[in-house]
Amino acid sequence: MELVEWRDNFKIGIEEVDFEHQELIQLINESYNEAKKEESTLAVLDSLGEIFVQISAHFALEEKEMKELKYDQYEDHKEDHEDLLDSIRDIMDDYEESKMLDEEEFGERLKGWFVNHFSTKDARLHKFLHH
């Protein structure tokens, strides 16, 4: 099952960033499906850790691009990135402590953030790039 489906309106116009967005959506979908299997604590933690690492690296690239372009909403966009990273850390900490993951809540939090972020923050960045 796909938690988040890629849509062309998620593109911002920077090929490398758009490619990473697609990869992140795929990783989140894979992690969501892994969490639903309830295989092992280690597999779920590894999956969450991989999401955190990949998203952190992606945000660094996107923030670098925004700085170079002197994007006027850089601080707000960066703050939204930090909010998601904090949320993922909280999910990881909660899971490590309880050994339980509410995969529906996990899925909804990530899906909600990505769809909202793409349709607001990244859409505004796209307009900035193509004005």
Foldseek 3Di string as FASTA:
>chain_A
DQLADDDPLLDLPDVVLSVLLVVLSVLLRVLLVVLVVLPFLVVNLVSLVVSLVSLVVSLVVVLVVCVVVVPPCSVVLVVLSVVVSVVSVVQSVVCVVPVHHPSVVVSCVVNVSSVVCSVPVSSVSSVVVVD
